[in-house]
Amino acid sequence: MPMYSSLTRALAEALVDVLWFVEGCEDEQMDPDDAVKVLEGVAHLVAQLSSDQRSEFIDLLGSMATEEADPPRREFLEGFPYGLGLVEDDS
C-alpha cells in the first residue's frame, strides 16, 4: 500500500519538507539570499496555479496540518497558504 494517497499529496509533502528545512536553516547552513530565492521561486510557482489548483492545494495543506502531530510544524502548515500568498490575511 502506498504511503501517500496521490502523487499530489506526495509532492505537497516534499515541497513542505523542503520549505520547512529552508525556513529553519541558520545562516551558517544556508545563505540567506539563497533561502529567499527558494521561497520566492516557490511563491512564484504557486501564483501560477489556477483557482481550482489553488483551492485543491489549500485544502491539502489543511488536511496535512490537521494530521500533523508536531505543533511547530502544524503551525507552519497552517500559515503556509498565507506565507506563499495563496490566501489573503484577513487581519
C-alpha atoms as a PDB file:
ATOM      1  CA  MET A   1       0.000   0.000   0.000  1.00  0.00           C
ATOM      2  CA  PRO A   2       1.449   3.408  -0.960  1.00  0.00           C
ATOM      3  CA  MET A   3       2.408   5.826   1.777  1.00  0.00           C
ATOM      4  CA  TYR A   4       0.581   8.699   0.033  1.00  0.00           C
ATOM      5  CA  SER A   5      -2.922   8.691  -1.390  1.00  0.00           C
ATOM      6  CA  SER A   6      -1.859  10.537  -4.547  1.00  0.00           C
ATOM      7  CA  LEU A   7       1.094  11.982  -6.397  1.00  0.00           C
ATOM      8  CA  THR A   8      -0.228  15.433  -5.496  1.00  0.00           C
ATOM      9  CA  ARG A   9      -0.046  14.557  -1.797  1.00  0.00           C
ATOM     10  CA  ALA A  10       3.477  13.164  -2.131  1.00  0.00           C
ATOM     11  CA  LEU A  11       4.692  16.277  -3.972  1.00  0.00           C
ATOM     12  CA  ALA A  12       2.996  18.602  -1.465  1.00  0.00           C
ATOM     13  CA  GLU A  13       4.686  16.723   1.389  1.00  0.00           C
ATOM     14  CA  ALA A  14       8.058  17.038  -0.365  1.00  0.00           C
ATOM     15  CA  LEU A  15       7.558  20.759  -1.001  1.00  0.00           C
ATOM     16  CA  VAL A  16       6.593  21.381   2.611  1.00  0.00           C
ATOM     17  CA  ASP A  17       9.621  19.383   3.813  1.00  0.00           C
ATOM     18  CA  VAL A  18      11.979  21.473   1.678  1.00  0.00           C
ATOM     19  CA  LEU A  19      10.472  24.783   2.764  1.00  0.00           C
ATOM     20  CA  TRP A  20      10.343  23.666   6.411  1.00  0.00           C
ATOM     21  CA  PHE A  21      14.079  22.973   6.133  1.00  0.00           C
ATOM     22  CA  VAL A  22      14.808  26.298   4.398  1.00  0.00           C
ATOM     23  CA  GLU A  23      12.795  28.260   6.973  1.00  0.00           C
ATOM     24  CA  GLY A  24      14.623  26.564   9.827  1.00  0.00           C
ATOM     25  CA  CYS A  25      18.148  26.939   8.477  1.00  0.00           C
ATOM     26  CA  GLU A  26      20.680  29.047  10.280  1.00  0.00           C
ATOM     27  CA  ASP A  27      22.800  31.443   8.209  1.00  0.00           C
ATOM     28  CA  GLU A  28      25.720  29.020   8.526  1.00  0.00           C
ATOM     29  CA  GLN A  29      23.664  26.207   6.989  1.00  0.00           C
ATOM     30  CA  MET A  30      22.257  28.119   4.041  1.00  0.00           C
ATOM     31  CA  ASP A  31      22.999  31.535   2.638  1.00  0.00           C
ATOM     32  CA  PRO A  32      20.033  33.811   3.497  1.00  0.00           C
ATOM     33  CA  ASP A  33      19.940  35.181  -0.065  1.00  0.00           C
ATOM     34  CA  ASP A  34      19.667  31.642  -1.424  1.00  0.00           C
ATOM     35  CA  ALA A  35      16.892  30.866   1.052  1.00  0.00           C
ATOM     36  CA  VAL A  36      14.957  33.915  -0.131  1.00  0.00           C
ATOM     37  CA  LYS A  37      15.430  32.836  -3.752  1.00  0.00           C
ATOM     38  CA  VAL A  38      13.995  29.398  -2.969  1.00  0.00           C
ATOM     39  CA  LEU A  39      10.990  30.869  -1.154  1.00  0.00           C
ATOM     40  CA  GLU A  40      10.352  33.441  -3.887  1.00  0.00           C
ATOM     41  CA  GLY A  41      10.618  30.742  -6.550  1.00  0.00           C
ATOM     42  CA  VAL A  42       8.002  28.599  -4.854  1.00  0.00           C
ATOM     43  CA  ALA A  43       5.746  31.622  -4.277  1.00  0.00           C
ATOM     44  CA  HIS A  44       6.004  32.451  -7.987  1.00  0.00           C
ATOM     45  CA  LEU A  45       5.169  28.863  -8.922  1.00  0.00           C
ATOM     46  CA  VAL A  46       2.069  28.680  -6.741  1.00  0.00           C
ATOM     47  CA  ALA A  47       0.948  32.091  -8.006  1.00  0.00           C
ATOM     48  CA  GLN A  48       0.647  30.466 -11.439  1.00  0.00           C
ATOM     49  CA  LEU A  49      -1.831  27.843 -10.206  1.00  0.00           C
ATOM     50  CA  SER A  50      -5.395  28.008 -11.473  1.00  0.00           C
ATOM     51  CA  SER A  51      -8.137  28.815  -8.990  1.00  0.00           C
ATOM     52  CA  ASP A  52      -9.112  25.128  -8.808  1.00  0.00           C
ATOM     53  CA  GLN A  53      -5.499  24.044  -8.290  1.00  0.00           C
ATOM     54  CA  ARG A  54      -5.026  26.698  -5.620  1.00  0.00           C
ATOM     55  CA  SER A  55      -8.142  25.504  -3.779  1.00  0.00           C
ATOM     56  CA  GLU A  56      -7.003  21.891  -4.007  1.00  0.00           C
ATOM     57  CA  PHE A  57      -3.572  22.811  -2.648  1.00  0.00           C
ATOM     58  CA  ILE A  58      -5.024  24.863   0.210  1.00  0.00           C
ATOM     59  CA  ASP A  59      -7.371  22.000   1.141  1.00  0.00           C
ATOM     60  CA  LEU A  60      -4.478  19.542   1.016  1.00  0.00           C
ATOM     61  CA  LEU A  61      -2.360  21.769   3.266  1.00  0.00           C
ATOM     62  CA  GLY A  62      -5.286  21.978   5.694  1.00  0.00           C
ATOM     63  CA  SER A  63      -5.511  18.178   5.806  1.00  0.00           C
ATOM     64  CA  MET A  64      -1.783  17.916   6.339  1.00  0.00           C
ATOM     65  CA  ALA A  65      -1.966  20.438   9.197  1.00  0.00           C
ATOM     66  CA  THR A  66      -4.827  18.555  10.842  1.00  0.00           C
ATOM     67  CA  GLU A  67      -2.862  15.300  10.674  1.00  0.00           C
ATOM     68  CA  GLU A  68       0.420  16.835  11.896  1.00  0.00           C
ATOM     69  CA  ALA A  69       1.412  15.793  15.423  1.00  0.00           C
ATOM     70  CA  ASP A  70       4.335  18.227  15.817  1.00  0.00           C
ATOM     71  CA  PRO A  71       2.927  21.608  16.994  1.00  0.00           C
ATOM     72  CA  PRO A  72       5.591  23.850  15.365  1.00  0.00           C
ATOM     73  CA  ARG A  73       5.256  22.019  12.048  1.00  0.00           C
ATOM     74  CA  ARG A  74       1.441  22.152  12.299  1.00  0.00           C
ATOM     75  CA  GLU A  75       1.683  25.920  12.809  1.00  0.00           C
ATOM     76  CA  PHE A  76       3.986  26.136   9.773  1.00  0.00           C
ATOM     77  CA  LEU A  77       1.452  24.190   7.690  1.00  0.00           C
ATOM     78  CA  GLU A  78      -1.417  26.377   8.876  1.00  0.00           C
ATOM     79  CA  GLY A  79       0.478  29.522   7.879  1.00  0.00           C
ATOM     80  CA  PHE A  80       1.789  28.091   4.613  1.00  0.00           C
ATOM     81  CA  PRO A  81      -1.063  29.364   2.392  1.00  0.00           C
ATOM     82  CA  TYR A  82      -0.662  32.876   3.814  1.00  0.00           C
ATOM     83  CA  GLY A  83       3.125  32.881   3.592  1.00  0.00           C
ATOM     84  CA  LEU A  84       3.043  31.950  -0.077  1.00  0.00           C
ATOM     85  CA  GLY A  85       0.246  34.351  -0.958  1.00  0.00           C
ATOM     86  CA  LEU A  86      -2.309  31.639  -1.717  1.00  0.00           C
ATOM     87  CA  VAL A  87      -4.811  33.420   0.501  1.00  0.00           C
ATOM     88  CA  GLU A  88      -5.005  36.932   1.869  1.00  0.00           C
ATOM     89  CA  ASP A  89      -4.512  37.565   5.575  1.00  0.00           C
ATOM     90  CA  ASP A  90      -7.777  38.972   6.987  1.00  0.00           C
ATOM     91  CA  SER A  91      -6.076  40.991   9.722  1.00  0.00           C
END
